[in-house]
Amino acid sequence: MGVLGLVKTLALELAKHKINVNALNPGTFDTHLRDENYAQLAEAEGIPLNEFRERFDEQMIKRVPLGRMGIPEDIANLVLFLVSDQSSYITGQAVDICGGWGLVHG
């Protein structure tokens, strides 16, 4: 909530300068940021890392209405939209990019 408050405040303050401020709320994304954690959990369970990762990801995907994890390109495409003129009338917003996760788990 603090970040959203900051986004809204900045959006109000910077609107007079024609600067838009928005936030991205990412859901589950397929990146390597969790690899170290996955490795520790896989070791604790005594299974290979790739097996743990597949099992974990499979469980996460079942909970996402669009049926897949996000990929970095999904965020990049949203950012490209938000920095383009096509989004010139959007400010002070938090955009969920979560494959529908927030609809059922929010």
N, C-alpha and C. Protein backbone atom coordinates (compact mmCIF):
# COMPACT_ATOMS: atom_id res chain seq x y z
N MET A 1 0.81 -1.20 0.00
CA MET A 1 0.00 0.00 0.00
C MET A 1 0.85 1.26 0.00
N GLY A 2 2.03 1.20 0.64
CA GLY A 2 2.91 2.36 0.68
C GLY A 2 3.38 2.77 -0.70
N VAL A 3 3.73 1.78 -1.53
CA VAL A 3 4.19 2.09 -2.88
C VAL A 3 3.07 2.72 -3.69
N LEU A 4 1.87 2.19 -3.56
CA LEU A 4 0.74 2.74 -4.31
C LEU A 4 0.45 4.18 -3.87
N GLY A 5 0.56 4.44 -2.57
CA GLY A 5 0.38 5.81 -2.09
C GLY A 5 1.42 6.75 -2.67
N LEU A 6 2.66 6.28 -2.74
CA LEU A 6 3.74 7.07 -3.32
C LEU A 6 3.48 7.33 -4.81
N VAL A 7 3.04 6.30 -5.52
CA VAL A 7 2.74 6.44 -6.95
C VAL A 7 1.66 7.48 -7.17
N LYS A 8 0.60 7.41 -6.38
CA LYS A 8 -0.51 8.37 -6.54
C LYS A 8 -0.07 9.79 -6.20
N THR A 9 0.71 9.92 -5.13
CA THR A 9 1.20 11.25 -4.75
C THR A 9 2.10 11.83 -5.82
N LEU A 10 3.03 11.02 -6.30
CA LEU A 10 3.93 11.50 -7.37
C LEU A 10 3.15 11.82 -8.64
N ALA A 11 2.16 11.00 -8.96
CA ALA A 11 1.34 11.27 -10.16
C ALA A 11 0.66 12.62 -10.05
N LEU A 12 0.13 12.93 -8.88
CA LEU A 12 -0.53 14.23 -8.69
C LEU A 12 0.48 15.38 -8.77
N GLU A 13 1.62 15.20 -8.14
CA GLU A 13 2.63 16.25 -8.11
C GLU A 13 3.26 16.50 -9.48
N LEU A 14 3.44 15.46 -10.25
CA LEU A 14 4.17 15.58 -11.51
C LEU A 14 3.27 15.78 -12.74
N ALA A 15 1.97 15.67 -12.56
CA ALA A 15 1.04 15.83 -13.69
C ALA A 15 1.21 17.19 -14.36
N LYS A 16 1.45 18.22 -13.57
CA LYS A 16 1.60 19.56 -14.15
C LYS A 16 2.82 19.66 -15.08
N HIS A 17 3.74 18.71 -14.91
CA HIS A 17 4.93 18.66 -15.77
C HIS A 17 4.78 17.64 -16.90
N LYS A 18 3.56 17.11 -17.02
CA LYS A 18 3.24 16.10 -18.04
C LYS A 18 4.08 14.83 -17.86
N ILE A 19 4.32 14.48 -16.59
CA ILE A 19 5.04 13.25 -16.25
C ILE A 19 4.04 12.28 -15.64
N ASN A 20 3.95 11.11 -16.23
CA ASN A 20 3.05 10.07 -15.72
C ASN A 20 3.81 9.15 -14.79
N VAL A 21 3.15 8.71 -13.75
CA VAL A 21 3.75 7.79 -12.78
C VAL A 21 2.79 6.64 -12.57
N ASN A 22 3.28 5.43 -12.78
CA ASN A 22 2.47 4.23 -12.60
C ASN A 22 3.32 3.15 -11.94
N ALA A 23 2.66 2.12 -11.45
CA ALA A 23 3.36 1.01 -10.82
C ALA A 23 2.99 -0.29 -11.53
N LEU A 24 3.93 -1.22 -11.53
CA LEU A 24 3.68 -2.56 -12.07
C LEU A 24 3.64 -3.53 -10.90
N ASN A 25 2.63 -4.38 -10.87
CA ASN A 25 2.51 -5.41 -9.84
C ASN A 25 2.66 -6.77 -10.51
N PRO A 26 3.88 -7.30 -10.57
CA PRO A 26 4.07 -8.58 -11.26
C PRO A 26 3.63 -9.77 -10.41
N GLY A 27 3.14 -10.77 -11.09
CA GLY A 27 2.79 -12.03 -10.44
C GLY A 27 3.95 -12.99 -10.53
N THR A 28 3.66 -14.24 -10.83
CA THR A 28 4.68 -15.27 -10.91
C THR A 28 5.33 -15.27 -12.29
N PHE A 29 6.64 -15.07 -12.30
CA PHE A 29 7.38 -15.00 -13.55
C PHE A 29 8.47 -16.05 -13.60
N ASP A 30 8.68 -16.58 -14.78
CA ASP A 30 9.70 -17.60 -15.01
C ASP A 30 11.04 -16.92 -15.24
N THR A 31 11.78 -16.73 -14.15
CA THR A 31 13.12 -16.15 -14.21
C THR A 31 14.04 -17.01 -13.37
N HIS A 32 15.28 -16.64 -13.31
CA HIS A 32 16.24 -17.39 -12.51
C HIS A 32 16.48 -16.75 -11.14
N LEU A 33 15.64 -15.81 -10.76
CA LEU A 33 15.80 -15.13 -9.48
C LEU A 33 15.62 -16.07 -8.29
N ARG A 34 14.87 -17.14 -8.49
CA ARG A 34 14.60 -18.08 -7.39
C ARG A 34 15.53 -19.28 -7.41
N ASP A 35 16.48 -19.34 -8.31
CA ASP A 35 17.32 -20.53 -8.46
C ASP A 35 18.06 -20.92 -7.19
N GLU A 36 18.60 -19.95 -6.47
CA GLU A 36 19.33 -20.26 -5.25
C GLU A 36 18.39 -20.87 -4.20
N ASN A 37 17.21 -20.29 -4.09
CA ASN A 37 16.22 -20.82 -3.16
C ASN A 37 15.76 -22.22 -3.59
N TYR A 38 15.52 -22.38 -4.89
CA TYR A 38 15.12 -23.69 -5.43
C TYR A 38 16.20 -24.74 -5.12
N ALA A 39 17.46 -24.36 -5.29
CA ALA A 39 18.56 -25.31 -5.06
C ALA A 39 18.58 -25.77 -3.60
N GLN A 40 18.37 -24.85 -2.69
CA GLN A 40 18.34 -25.21 -1.27
C GLN A 40 17.16 -26.12 -0.95
N LEU A 41 16.00 -25.80 -1.51
CA LEU A 41 14.81 -26.63 -1.25
C LEU A 41 14.95 -28.01 -1.89
N ALA A 42 15.51 -28.05 -3.09
CA ALA A 42 15.72 -29.34 -3.77
C ALA A 42 16.67 -30.20 -2.96
N GLU A 43 17.74 -29.60 -2.46
CA GLU A 43 18.71 -30.34 -1.65
C GLU A 43 18.05 -30.86 -0.37
N ALA A 44 17.22 -30.02 0.25
CA ALA A 44 16.53 -30.44 1.48
C ALA A 44 15.60 -31.62 1.22
N GLU A 45 15.01 -31.65 0.02
CA GLU A 45 14.11 -32.75 -0.34
C GLU A 45 14.85 -33.93 -0.94
N GLY A 46 16.13 -33.74 -1.24
CA GLY A 46 16.93 -34.81 -1.82
C GLY A 46 16.58 -35.15 -3.25
N ILE A 47 16.18 -34.12 -4.02
CA ILE A 47 15.83 -34.35 -5.42
C ILE A 47 16.65 -33.39 -6.30
N PRO A 48 16.81 -33.72 -7.58
CA PRO A 48 17.55 -32.83 -8.48
C PRO A 48 16.85 -31.47 -8.63
N LEU A 49 17.63 -30.43 -8.84
CA LEU A 49 17.11 -29.07 -8.99
C LEU A 49 16.06 -28.98 -10.08
N ASN A 50 16.35 -29.55 -11.25
CA ASN A 50 15.39 -29.44 -12.36
C ASN A 50 14.06 -30.11 -12.02
N GLU A 51 14.10 -31.20 -11.28
CA GLU A 51 12.86 -31.88 -10.87
C GLU A 51 12.07 -31.01 -9.90
N PHE A 52 12.76 -30.41 -8.93
CA PHE A 52 12.08 -29.53 -7.98
C PHE A 52 11.45 -28.35 -8.71
N ARG A 53 12.24 -27.73 -9.60
CA ARG A 53 11.75 -26.56 -10.35
C ARG A 53 10.50 -26.91 -11.16
N GLU A 54 10.54 -28.03 -11.87
CA GLU A 54 9.38 -28.44 -12.67
C GLU A 54 8.15 -28.66 -11.79
N ARG A 55 8.34 -29.33 -10.67
CA ARG A 55 7.23 -29.60 -9.76
C ARG A 55 6.64 -28.31 -9.19
N PHE A 56 7.52 -27.43 -8.73
CA PHE A 56 7.07 -26.16 -8.16
C PHE A 56 6.35 -25.33 -9.20
N ASP A 57 6.96 -25.19 -10.37
CA ASP A 57 6.36 -24.38 -11.43
C ASP A 57 5.00 -24.95 -11.86
N GLU A 58 4.90 -26.26 -11.93
CA GLU A 58 3.64 -26.91 -12.30
C GLU A 58 2.53 -26.55 -11.31
N GLN A 59 2.87 -26.55 -10.03
CA GLN A 59 1.88 -26.19 -9.00
C GLN A 59 1.47 -24.73 -9.11
N MET A 60 2.43 -23.86 -9.39
CA MET A 60 2.12 -22.43 -9.54
C MET A 60 1.23 -22.19 -10.76
N ILE A 61 1.56 -22.84 -11.86
CA ILE A 61 0.80 -22.65 -13.09
C ILE A 61 -0.66 -23.05 -12.90
N LYS A 62 -0.92 -24.06 -12.11
CA LYS A 62 -2.30 -24.49 -11.85
C LYS A 62 -3.12 -23.40 -11.17
N ARG A 63 -2.46 -22.47 -10.51
CA ARG A 63 -3.14 -21.42 -9.77
C ARG A 63 -3.31 -20.13 -10.57
N VAL A 64 -2.75 -20.10 -11.79
CA VAL A 64 -2.83 -18.91 -12.63
C VAL A 64 -3.92 -19.12 -13.68
N PRO A 65 -4.97 -18.29 -13.69
CA PRO A 65 -6.06 -18.48 -14.64
C PRO A 65 -5.64 -18.57 -16.10
N LEU A 66 -4.61 -17.85 -16.52
CA LEU A 66 -4.18 -17.94 -17.92
C LEU A 66 -3.35 -19.18 -18.20
N GLY A 67 -3.04 -19.96 -17.15
CA GLY A 67 -2.41 -21.26 -17.33
C GLY A 67 -0.93 -21.25 -17.67
N ARG A 68 -0.23 -20.18 -17.33
CA ARG A 68 1.21 -20.14 -17.56
C ARG A 68 1.82 -19.11 -16.63
N MET A 69 3.13 -19.26 -16.44
CA MET A 69 3.86 -18.23 -15.71
C MET A 69 4.19 -17.12 -16.68
N GLY A 70 4.39 -15.92 -16.14
CA GLY A 70 4.80 -14.82 -16.98
C GLY A 70 6.24 -14.98 -17.41
N ILE A 71 6.59 -14.30 -18.47
CA ILE A 71 7.97 -14.28 -18.94
C ILE A 71 8.43 -12.82 -18.94
N PRO A 72 9.73 -12.58 -18.87
CA PRO A 72 10.20 -11.20 -18.82
C PRO A 72 9.66 -10.33 -19.96
N GLU A 73 9.43 -10.91 -21.11
CA GLU A 73 8.90 -10.14 -22.24
C GLU A 73 7.51 -9.57 -21.95
N ASP A 74 6.73 -10.25 -21.09
CA ASP A 74 5.41 -9.73 -20.72
C ASP A 74 5.56 -8.38 -20.01
N ILE A 75 6.51 -8.30 -19.11
CA ILE A 75 6.75 -7.04 -18.40
C ILE A 75 7.31 -6.00 -19.37
N ALA A 76 8.25 -6.42 -20.20
CA ALA A 76 8.84 -5.49 -21.17
C ALA A 76 7.77 -4.89 -22.06
N ASN A 77 6.82 -5.70 -22.52
CA ASN A 77 5.75 -5.19 -23.39
C ASN A 77 4.88 -4.17 -22.66
N LEU A 78 4.59 -4.43 -21.39
CA LEU A 78 3.80 -3.47 -20.62
C LEU A 78 4.57 -2.17 -20.42
N VAL A 79 5.84 -2.28 -20.11
CA VAL A 79 6.67 -1.08 -19.93
C VAL A 79 6.73 -0.28 -21.23
N LEU A 80 6.91 -0.98 -22.35
CA LEU A 80 6.93 -0.28 -23.64
C LEU A 80 5.63 0.48 -23.88
N PHE A 81 4.52 -0.13 -23.52
CA PHE A 81 3.23 0.55 -23.65
C PHE A 81 3.18 1.78 -22.75
N LEU A 82 3.59 1.61 -21.49
CA LEU A 82 3.48 2.72 -20.53
C LEU A 82 4.41 3.88 -20.86
N VAL A 83 5.50 3.64 -21.55
CA VAL A 83 6.39 4.75 -21.91
C VAL A 83 6.06 5.33 -23.29
N SER A 84 5.06 4.74 -23.95
CA SER A 84 4.68 5.24 -25.27
C SER A 84 3.58 6.29 -25.15
N ASP A 85 3.32 6.98 -26.24
CA ASP A 85 2.24 7.96 -26.27
C ASP A 85 0.87 7.31 -26.14
N GLN A 86 0.79 6.02 -26.41
CA GLN A 86 -0.49 5.32 -26.31
C GLN A 86 -1.03 5.31 -24.87
N SER A 87 -0.16 5.50 -23.90
CA SER A 87 -0.61 5.50 -22.51
C SER A 87 -0.55 6.90 -21.89
N SER A 88 -0.57 7.92 -22.71
CA SER A 88 -0.37 9.29 -22.22
C SER A 88 -1.46 9.77 -21.27
N TYR A 89 -2.57 9.07 -21.18
CA TYR A 89 -3.67 9.48 -20.29
C TYR A 89 -3.80 8.54 -19.10
N ILE A 90 -2.75 7.78 -18.81
CA ILE A 90 -2.74 6.86 -17.68
C ILE A 90 -1.70 7.33 -16.68
N THR A 91 -2.14 7.65 -15.48
CA THR A 91 -1.21 8.03 -14.42
C THR A 91 -1.80 7.71 -13.06
N GLY A 92 -0.93 7.41 -12.12
CA GLY A 92 -1.36 7.10 -10.76
C GLY A 92 -1.98 5.73 -10.62
N GLN A 93 -1.67 4.83 -11.53
CA GLN A 93 -2.30 3.51 -11.54
C GLN A 93 -1.31 2.41 -11.18
N ALA A 94 -1.83 1.35 -10.60
CA ALA A 94 -1.06 0.13 -10.37
C ALA A 94 -1.60 -0.91 -11.34
N VAL A 95 -0.75 -1.41 -12.19
CA VAL A 95 -1.16 -2.38 -13.21
C VAL A 95 -0.72 -3.77 -12.77
N ASP A 96 -1.69 -4.63 -12.54
CA ASP A 96 -1.39 -6.03 -12.21
C ASP A 96 -1.03 -6.77 -13.49
N ILE A 97 0.10 -7.41 -13.50
CA ILE A 97 0.51 -8.22 -14.63
C ILE A 97 0.81 -9.61 -14.06
N CYS A 98 -0.28 -10.39 -13.97
CA CYS A 98 -0.21 -11.61 -13.17
C CYS A 98 -0.97 -12.79 -13.77
N GLY A 99 -1.40 -12.68 -15.00
CA GLY A 99 -2.11 -13.79 -15.63
C GLY A 99 -3.46 -14.08 -14.99
N GLY A 100 -3.98 -13.13 -14.23
CA GLY A 100 -5.26 -13.32 -13.57
C GLY A 100 -5.15 -13.79 -12.13
N TRP A 101 -3.92 -13.98 -11.64
CA TRP A 101 -3.69 -14.46 -10.27
C TRP A 101 -4.50 -13.65 -9.25
N GLY A 102 -4.46 -12.34 -9.38
CA GLY A 102 -5.15 -11.46 -8.43
C GLY A 102 -6.67 -11.62 -8.44
N LEU A 103 -7.21 -12.15 -9.51
CA LEU A 103 -8.66 -12.34 -9.59
C LEU A 103 -9.14 -13.44 -8.66
N VAL A 104 -8.28 -14.43 -8.44
CA VAL A 104 -8.68 -15.57 -7.61
C VAL A 104 -7.92 -15.68 -6.30
N HIS A 105 -6.80 -14.96 -6.18
CA HIS A 105 -5.99 -15.04 -4.97
C HIS A 105 -5.81 -13.68 -4.31
N GLY A 106 -6.55 -12.67 -4.75
CA GLY A 106 -6.35 -11.33 -4.22
C GLY A 106 -7.33 -11.01 -3.21
